[in-house]
Amino acid sequence: MGSMRGVNERIHDLSDSMPSRYLTPEGHLCEFTVIDKPTPMGRKRVFTDKAGNKHFAPESKDVRSLYMIRACFVERYPEWTPIKNSVKLSVRYWHKIPAATSRKKRKEAWMNPKAVKTKPDIPNLLAQVADALTGYAYVDDSLISWSECWKFYAVDREGNDTPPRFSIKVEEL
């Protein structure tokens, strides 16, 4: 339990040291971390009733996750003006590692995206972040012309659990 608090403090300290907005040679850049379980974007479901009629269930969005991403962004960048040009969106996800994973495998999984073989899949995770930042970091998610995404297990170098989280970077191209 003590290691979890230490990780949260380190993540918080890192995010506090970054300027709220600065101009790089490529354009505007923002980067922040959301300490929360990565949640995918919901999607429409099709089901058939007993009479053989098809019905569409409405798209289920995890509204809590959307609001959490937005709240973290606004807290970190209160004076941010949404970008109106092409955008690069980079997201790193840290998922909870399965409890039955051995200590050796936990150490091997540290910052190794090849080790992660769990759902949810990357396109659904990326869609959640892209939708959440529309109107906040950039005017519309159609401006995203380049995206990078990685999934990792939430463990430190020694194989101890760290909090599930995701780190988001938005850069104007």
Protein backbone atom coordinates (compact mmCIF):
# COMPACT_ATOMS: atom_id res chain seq x y z
CA MET A 1 0.00 0.00 0.00
CA GLY A 2 2.88 2.36 0.76
CA SER A 3 4.28 1.92 -2.75
CA MET A 4 0.95 3.01 -4.30
CA ARG A 5 1.02 6.31 -2.40
CA GLY A 6 4.64 6.90 -3.47
CA VAL A 7 3.78 6.34 -7.13
CA ASN A 8 0.80 8.73 -6.93
CA GLU A 9 3.01 11.41 -5.36
CA ARG A 10 5.71 10.94 -8.03
CA ILE A 11 3.14 11.19 -10.84
CA HIS A 12 1.62 14.30 -9.25
CA ASP A 13 5.08 15.88 -8.78
CA LEU A 14 5.97 15.22 -12.43
CA SER A 15 2.76 16.75 -13.74
CA ASP A 16 3.16 19.85 -11.52
CA SER A 17 6.62 20.57 -12.91
CA MET A 18 5.34 20.92 -16.50
CA PRO A 19 4.34 24.36 -17.78
CA SER A 20 0.64 24.72 -18.48
CA ARG A 21 1.19 25.69 -22.12
CA TYR A 22 4.24 26.38 -24.19
CA LEU A 23 5.18 26.71 -27.82
CA THR A 24 7.46 24.08 -29.32
CA PRO A 25 9.00 24.38 -32.82
CA GLU A 26 6.14 22.16 -34.05
CA GLY A 27 3.36 24.06 -32.25
CA HIS A 28 1.41 23.91 -28.99
CA LEU A 29 1.87 20.98 -26.66
CA CYS A 30 0.03 19.73 -23.60
CA GLU A 31 0.65 16.61 -21.55
CA PHE A 32 -1.19 15.27 -18.50
CA THR A 33 -1.89 12.05 -16.61
CA VAL A 34 -5.28 10.70 -15.53
CA ILE A 35 -5.14 8.35 -12.54
CA ASP A 36 -8.08 6.14 -13.40
CA LYS A 37 -8.79 2.77 -14.97
CA PRO A 38 -8.54 3.06 -18.77
CA THR A 39 -12.08 2.63 -20.08
CA PRO A 40 -12.95 2.03 -23.74
CA MET A 41 -15.48 3.86 -25.82
CA GLY A 42 -18.86 2.14 -25.87
CA ARG A 43 -20.32 0.99 -29.15
CA LYS A 44 -23.74 0.29 -30.57
CA ARG A 45 -25.05 -3.23 -30.04
CA VAL A 46 -27.37 -5.14 -32.35
CA PHE A 47 -29.74 -7.76 -31.00
CA THR A 48 -32.56 -9.83 -32.49
CA ASP A 49 -35.85 -10.42 -30.70
CA LYS A 50 -37.85 -13.69 -30.76
CA ALA A 51 -39.74 -12.59 -33.90
CA GLY A 52 -36.44 -12.12 -35.79
CA ASN A 53 -36.56 -8.33 -35.81
CA LYS A 54 -33.22 -6.54 -35.42
CA HIS A 55 -32.92 -3.78 -32.84
CA PHE A 56 -30.08 -1.40 -32.10
CA ALA A 57 -29.21 -0.63 -28.51
CA PRO A 58 -27.99 2.94 -28.03
CA GLU A 59 -24.28 3.59 -27.84
CA SER A 60 -23.11 3.17 -24.26
CA LYS A 61 -20.51 5.75 -23.30
CA ASP A 62 -18.69 5.70 -20.02
CA VAL A 63 -19.61 9.27 -19.16
CA ARG A 64 -17.66 9.19 -15.90
CA SER A 65 -14.43 8.48 -17.78
CA LEU A 66 -15.14 11.25 -20.30
CA TYR A 67 -15.68 13.75 -17.50
CA MET A 68 -12.58 12.56 -15.65
CA ILE A 69 -10.37 13.14 -18.72
CA ARG A 70 -11.90 16.57 -19.30
CA ALA A 71 -11.60 17.56 -15.63
CA CYS A 72 -7.91 16.59 -15.54
CA PHE A 73 -7.26 18.55 -18.74
CA VAL A 74 -9.10 21.70 -17.57
CA GLU A 75 -7.47 21.55 -14.14
CA ARG A 76 -4.02 21.31 -15.73
CA TYR A 77 -4.63 23.80 -18.57
CA PRO A 78 -7.32 26.29 -17.51
CA GLU A 79 -6.31 28.95 -20.07
CA TRP A 80 -5.93 26.56 -23.03
CA THR A 81 -7.40 27.64 -26.36
CA PRO A 82 -8.54 24.64 -28.49
CA ILE A 83 -6.21 23.90 -31.40
CA LYS A 84 -7.66 24.57 -34.86
CA ASN A 85 -4.93 22.86 -36.94
CA SER A 86 -3.77 19.27 -37.37
CA VAL A 87 -3.08 17.44 -34.12
CA LYS A 88 -0.95 14.52 -32.97
CA LEU A 89 -2.52 12.54 -30.11
CA SER A 90 -0.28 10.21 -28.08
CA VAL A 91 -1.74 8.04 -25.34
CA ARG A 92 -0.10 5.53 -23.02
CA TYR A 93 -2.33 3.21 -21.00
CA TRP A 94 -1.32 1.30 -17.88
CA HIS A 95 -3.72 -1.57 -17.10
CA LYS A 96 -3.94 -3.59 -13.91
CA ILE A 97 -1.82 -6.72 -14.25
CA PRO A 98 -3.63 -10.04 -13.61
CA ALA A 99 -3.26 -11.16 -9.99
CA ALA A 100 -1.99 -14.63 -10.93
CA THR A 101 1.05 -13.20 -12.76
CA SER A 102 4.34 -14.41 -11.26
CA ARG A 103 6.95 -11.99 -9.88
CA LYS A 104 9.32 -12.85 -12.75
CA LYS A 105 6.66 -12.11 -15.39
CA ARG A 106 5.72 -8.89 -13.56
CA LYS A 107 9.31 -7.65 -13.81
CA GLU A 108 9.44 -8.61 -17.50
CA ALA A 109 6.18 -6.72 -18.11
CA TRP A 110 7.57 -3.38 -16.89
CA MET A 111 7.27 -0.89 -19.80
CA ASN A 112 6.96 -3.78 -22.27
CA PRO A 113 3.94 -3.32 -24.56
CA LYS A 114 4.42 -6.84 -25.97
CA ALA A 115 3.50 -8.28 -22.57
CA VAL A 116 -0.03 -6.81 -22.58
CA LYS A 117 -2.59 -9.20 -24.03
CA THR A 118 -5.72 -7.92 -22.32
CA LYS A 119 -8.86 -6.20 -23.53
CA PRO A 120 -9.95 -3.49 -24.19
CA ASP A 121 -8.41 -2.94 -27.58
CA ILE A 122 -6.55 0.21 -28.54
CA PRO A 123 -9.02 1.74 -31.06
CA ASN A 124 -11.81 1.82 -28.48
CA LEU A 125 -9.50 3.29 -25.83
CA LEU A 126 -8.24 5.94 -28.24
CA ALA A 127 -11.79 6.88 -29.28
CA GLN A 128 -12.66 7.57 -25.64
CA VAL A 129 -9.77 10.04 -25.22
CA ALA A 130 -10.34 11.66 -28.64
CA ASP A 131 -14.02 12.31 -27.86
CA ALA A 132 -13.31 13.54 -24.34
CA LEU A 133 -10.85 16.22 -25.54
CA THR A 134 -13.03 17.49 -28.42
CA GLY A 135 -13.78 21.14 -27.76
CA TYR A 136 -11.17 21.29 -24.99
CA ALA A 137 -7.71 20.47 -26.42
CA TYR A 138 -8.73 20.75 -30.08
CA VAL A 139 -11.80 22.02 -31.91
CA ASP A 140 -12.83 18.62 -33.35
CA ASP A 141 -11.40 15.11 -33.24
CA SER A 142 -11.33 15.09 -37.05
CA LEU A 143 -8.20 17.28 -36.68
CA ILE A 144 -6.26 14.29 -35.34
CA SER A 145 -4.03 13.36 -38.24
CA TRP A 146 -1.47 11.31 -36.30
CA SER A 147 -2.03 9.11 -33.28
CA GLU A 148 0.24 6.90 -31.19
CA CYS A 149 -1.00 4.49 -28.59
CA TRP A 150 0.62 1.96 -26.25
CA LYS A 151 -0.69 -0.41 -23.60
CA PHE A 152 1.40 -1.42 -20.59
CA TYR A 153 0.80 -3.26 -17.35
CA ALA A 154 0.71 -1.00 -14.29
CA VAL A 155 3.83 -2.32 -12.55
CA ASP A 156 7.08 -0.70 -11.51
CA ARG A 157 10.60 -1.94 -12.27
CA GLU A 158 10.47 -4.40 -9.34
CA GLY A 159 7.10 -5.83 -10.40
CA ASN A 160 5.01 -4.08 -7.72
CA ASP A 161 1.53 -2.83 -8.62
CA THR A 162 1.09 0.84 -9.54
CA PRO A 163 -2.23 2.61 -10.13
CA PRO A 164 -4.00 2.08 -13.46
CA ARG A 165 -3.71 5.32 -15.39
CA PHE A 166 -3.22 6.89 -18.78
CA SER A 167 -0.92 9.63 -19.97
CA ILE A 168 -2.14 11.90 -22.76
CA LYS A 169 -0.10 14.19 -24.98
CA VAL A 170 -1.66 16.56 -27.54
CA GLU A 171 0.61 18.35 -29.95
CA GLU A 172 -0.17 20.80 -32.74
CA LEU A 173 1.47 19.80 -36.01
